[in-house]
Amino acid sequence: MNTPVPLSMFIIGLIVFILYISGYVYMIYKAHQQQKDEFDKDPELRSYYKSLKK
């Protein structure tokens, strides 16, 4: 087994990378939902953006 990068090392690295990216995307999605909920509950921001649409 004189290969520069063994297949098992590549597979483990790929699994770690996929878990990291999926966690990163999940946290972005969760933070977006939280920010949207806070925006919807803020009456000052809602009235400001409604006044811009007129």
N, C-alpha and C. Protein backbone atom coordinates (compact mmCIF):
# COMPACT_ATOMS: atom_id res chain seq x y z
N MET A 1 0.83 -1.18 0.00
CA MET A 1 0.00 0.00 0.00
C MET A 1 0.88 1.25 0.00
N ASN A 2 1.51 1.51 -1.12
CA ASN A 2 2.41 2.66 -1.26
C ASN A 2 1.77 3.79 -2.04
N THR A 3 0.49 3.97 -1.89
CA THR A 3 -0.16 5.07 -2.58
C THR A 3 0.03 6.35 -1.78
N PRO A 4 0.10 7.50 -2.44
CA PRO A 4 0.31 8.76 -1.72
C PRO A 4 -0.84 9.10 -0.76
N VAL A 5 -2.06 8.89 -1.19
CA VAL A 5 -3.21 9.16 -0.34
C VAL A 5 -4.09 7.92 -0.36
N PRO A 6 -4.12 7.20 0.74
CA PRO A 6 -4.94 5.98 0.76
C PRO A 6 -6.42 6.29 0.58
N LEU A 7 -7.12 5.35 0.05
CA LEU A 7 -8.55 5.52 -0.23
C LEU A 7 -9.34 5.75 1.05
N SER A 8 -8.99 5.06 2.12
CA SER A 8 -9.72 5.24 3.38
C SER A 8 -9.56 6.65 3.92
N MET A 9 -8.39 7.23 3.76
CA MET A 9 -8.17 8.60 4.22
C MET A 9 -9.02 9.57 3.41
N PHE A 10 -9.14 9.32 2.12
CA PHE A 10 -9.98 10.15 1.26
C PHE A 10 -11.44 10.04 1.66
N ILE A 11 -11.91 8.83 1.94
CA ILE A 11 -13.31 8.62 2.30
C ILE A 11 -13.62 9.30 3.63
N ILE A 12 -12.74 9.17 4.61
CA ILE A 12 -12.96 9.82 5.90
C ILE A 12 -12.97 11.34 5.73
N GLY A 13 -12.05 11.87 4.96
CA GLY A 13 -12.03 13.31 4.70
C GLY A 13 -13.28 13.78 3.99
N LEU A 14 -13.75 12.98 3.05
CA LEU A 14 -14.98 13.33 2.33
C LEU A 14 -16.19 13.33 3.25
N ILE A 15 -16.27 12.37 4.15
CA ILE A 15 -17.37 12.32 5.11
C ILE A 15 -17.33 13.53 6.03
N VAL A 16 -16.16 13.88 6.52
CA VAL A 16 -16.03 15.05 7.39
C VAL A 16 -16.42 16.32 6.64
N PHE A 17 -15.98 16.43 5.38
CA PHE A 17 -16.30 17.60 4.57
C PHE A 17 -17.81 17.71 4.34
N ILE A 18 -18.45 16.60 4.02
CA ILE A 18 -19.90 16.61 3.77
C ILE A 18 -20.66 16.98 5.04
N LEU A 19 -20.24 16.44 6.17
CA LEU A 19 -20.89 16.79 7.44
C LEU A 19 -20.70 18.27 7.76
N TYR A 20 -19.51 18.79 7.51
CA TYR A 20 -19.24 20.20 7.78
C TYR A 20 -20.09 21.10 6.89
N ILE A 21 -20.15 20.81 5.61
CA ILE A 21 -20.93 21.64 4.68
C ILE A 21 -22.42 21.55 4.99
N SER A 22 -22.91 20.36 5.30
CA SER A 22 -24.34 20.24 5.61
C SER A 22 -24.67 20.98 6.90
N GLY A 23 -23.81 20.92 7.89
CA GLY A 23 -24.03 21.67 9.12
C GLY A 23 -23.98 23.17 8.89
N TYR A 24 -23.07 23.60 8.03
CA TYR A 24 -22.94 25.01 7.70
C TYR A 24 -24.20 25.54 7.01
N VAL A 25 -24.69 24.78 6.03
CA VAL A 25 -25.90 25.18 5.31
C VAL A 25 -27.10 25.16 6.25
N TYR A 26 -27.17 24.18 7.14
CA TYR A 26 -28.27 24.12 8.11
C TYR A 26 -28.25 25.34 9.03
N MET A 27 -27.09 25.74 9.50
CA MET A 27 -27.00 26.90 10.39
C MET A 27 -27.37 28.18 9.65
N ILE A 28 -27.00 28.30 8.38
CA ILE A 28 -27.40 29.47 7.59
C ILE A 28 -28.92 29.49 7.45
N TYR A 29 -29.52 28.36 7.16
CA TYR A 29 -30.97 28.28 7.02
C TYR A 29 -31.67 28.62 8.34
N LYS A 30 -31.17 28.07 9.43
CA LYS A 30 -31.79 28.31 10.74
C LYS A 30 -31.66 29.79 11.14
N ALA A 31 -30.50 30.39 10.89
CA ALA A 31 -30.32 31.81 11.22
C ALA A 31 -31.22 32.68 10.36
N HIS A 32 -31.40 32.30 9.11
CA HIS A 32 -32.29 33.06 8.21
C HIS A 32 -33.72 33.01 8.72
N GLN A 33 -34.17 31.82 9.14
CA GLN A 33 -35.53 31.69 9.66
C GLN A 33 -35.71 32.50 10.95
N GLN A 34 -34.71 32.49 11.81
CA GLN A 34 -34.79 33.25 13.05
C GLN A 34 -34.86 34.75 12.77
N GLN A 35 -34.05 35.21 11.82
CA GLN A 35 -34.06 36.63 11.47
C GLN A 35 -35.40 37.01 10.84
N LYS A 36 -35.95 36.15 10.03
CA LYS A 36 -37.24 36.43 9.40
C LYS A 36 -38.35 36.50 10.46
N ASP A 37 -38.32 35.59 11.44
CA ASP A 37 -39.31 35.61 12.50
C ASP A 37 -39.20 36.89 13.32
N GLU A 38 -37.99 37.30 13.65
CA GLU A 38 -37.80 38.54 14.40
C GLU A 38 -38.27 39.75 13.60
N PHE A 39 -38.03 39.73 12.31
CA PHE A 39 -38.48 40.82 11.43
C PHE A 39 -40.01 40.88 11.41
N ASP A 40 -40.64 39.73 11.32
CA ASP A 40 -42.10 39.70 11.27
C ASP A 40 -42.73 40.18 12.58
N LYS A 41 -42.05 40.02 13.69
CA LYS A 41 -42.59 40.43 14.99
C LYS A 41 -42.29 41.89 15.33
N ASP A 42 -41.45 42.56 14.56
CA ASP A 42 -41.06 43.93 14.86
C ASP A 42 -42.01 44.91 14.17
N PRO A 43 -42.85 45.61 14.92
CA PRO A 43 -43.83 46.50 14.28
C PRO A 43 -43.20 47.72 13.62
N GLU A 44 -42.08 48.20 14.14
CA GLU A 44 -41.46 49.37 13.53
C GLU A 44 -40.89 49.04 12.15
N LEU A 45 -40.24 47.90 12.03
CA LEU A 45 -39.69 47.52 10.73
C LEU A 45 -40.80 47.22 9.73
N ARG A 46 -41.86 46.57 10.18
CA ARG A 46 -42.97 46.28 9.27
C ARG A 46 -43.59 47.56 8.74
N SER A 47 -43.82 48.53 9.61
CA SER A 47 -44.43 49.78 9.16
C SER A 47 -43.50 50.55 8.23
N TYR A 48 -42.19 50.47 8.50
CA TYR A 48 -41.23 51.16 7.63
C TYR A 48 -41.24 50.58 6.24
N TYR A 49 -41.20 49.27 6.12
CA TYR A 49 -41.16 48.66 4.80
C TYR A 49 -42.52 48.76 4.09
N LYS A 50 -43.61 48.81 4.84
CA LYS A 50 -44.91 49.04 4.19
C LYS A 50 -44.99 50.45 3.63
N SER A 51 -44.38 51.42 4.33
CA SER A 51 -44.40 52.79 3.82
C SER A 51 -43.55 52.93 2.56
N LEU A 52 -42.53 52.11 2.40
CA LEU A 52 -41.70 52.16 1.19
C LEU A 52 -42.42 51.60 -0.01
N LYS A 53 -43.31 50.64 0.19
CA LYS A 53 -44.02 50.01 -0.92
C LYS A 53 -45.09 50.90 -1.53
N LYS A 54 -45.52 51.92 -0.81
CA LYS A 54 -46.59 52.80 -1.30
C LYS A 54 -46.15 53.70 -2.41
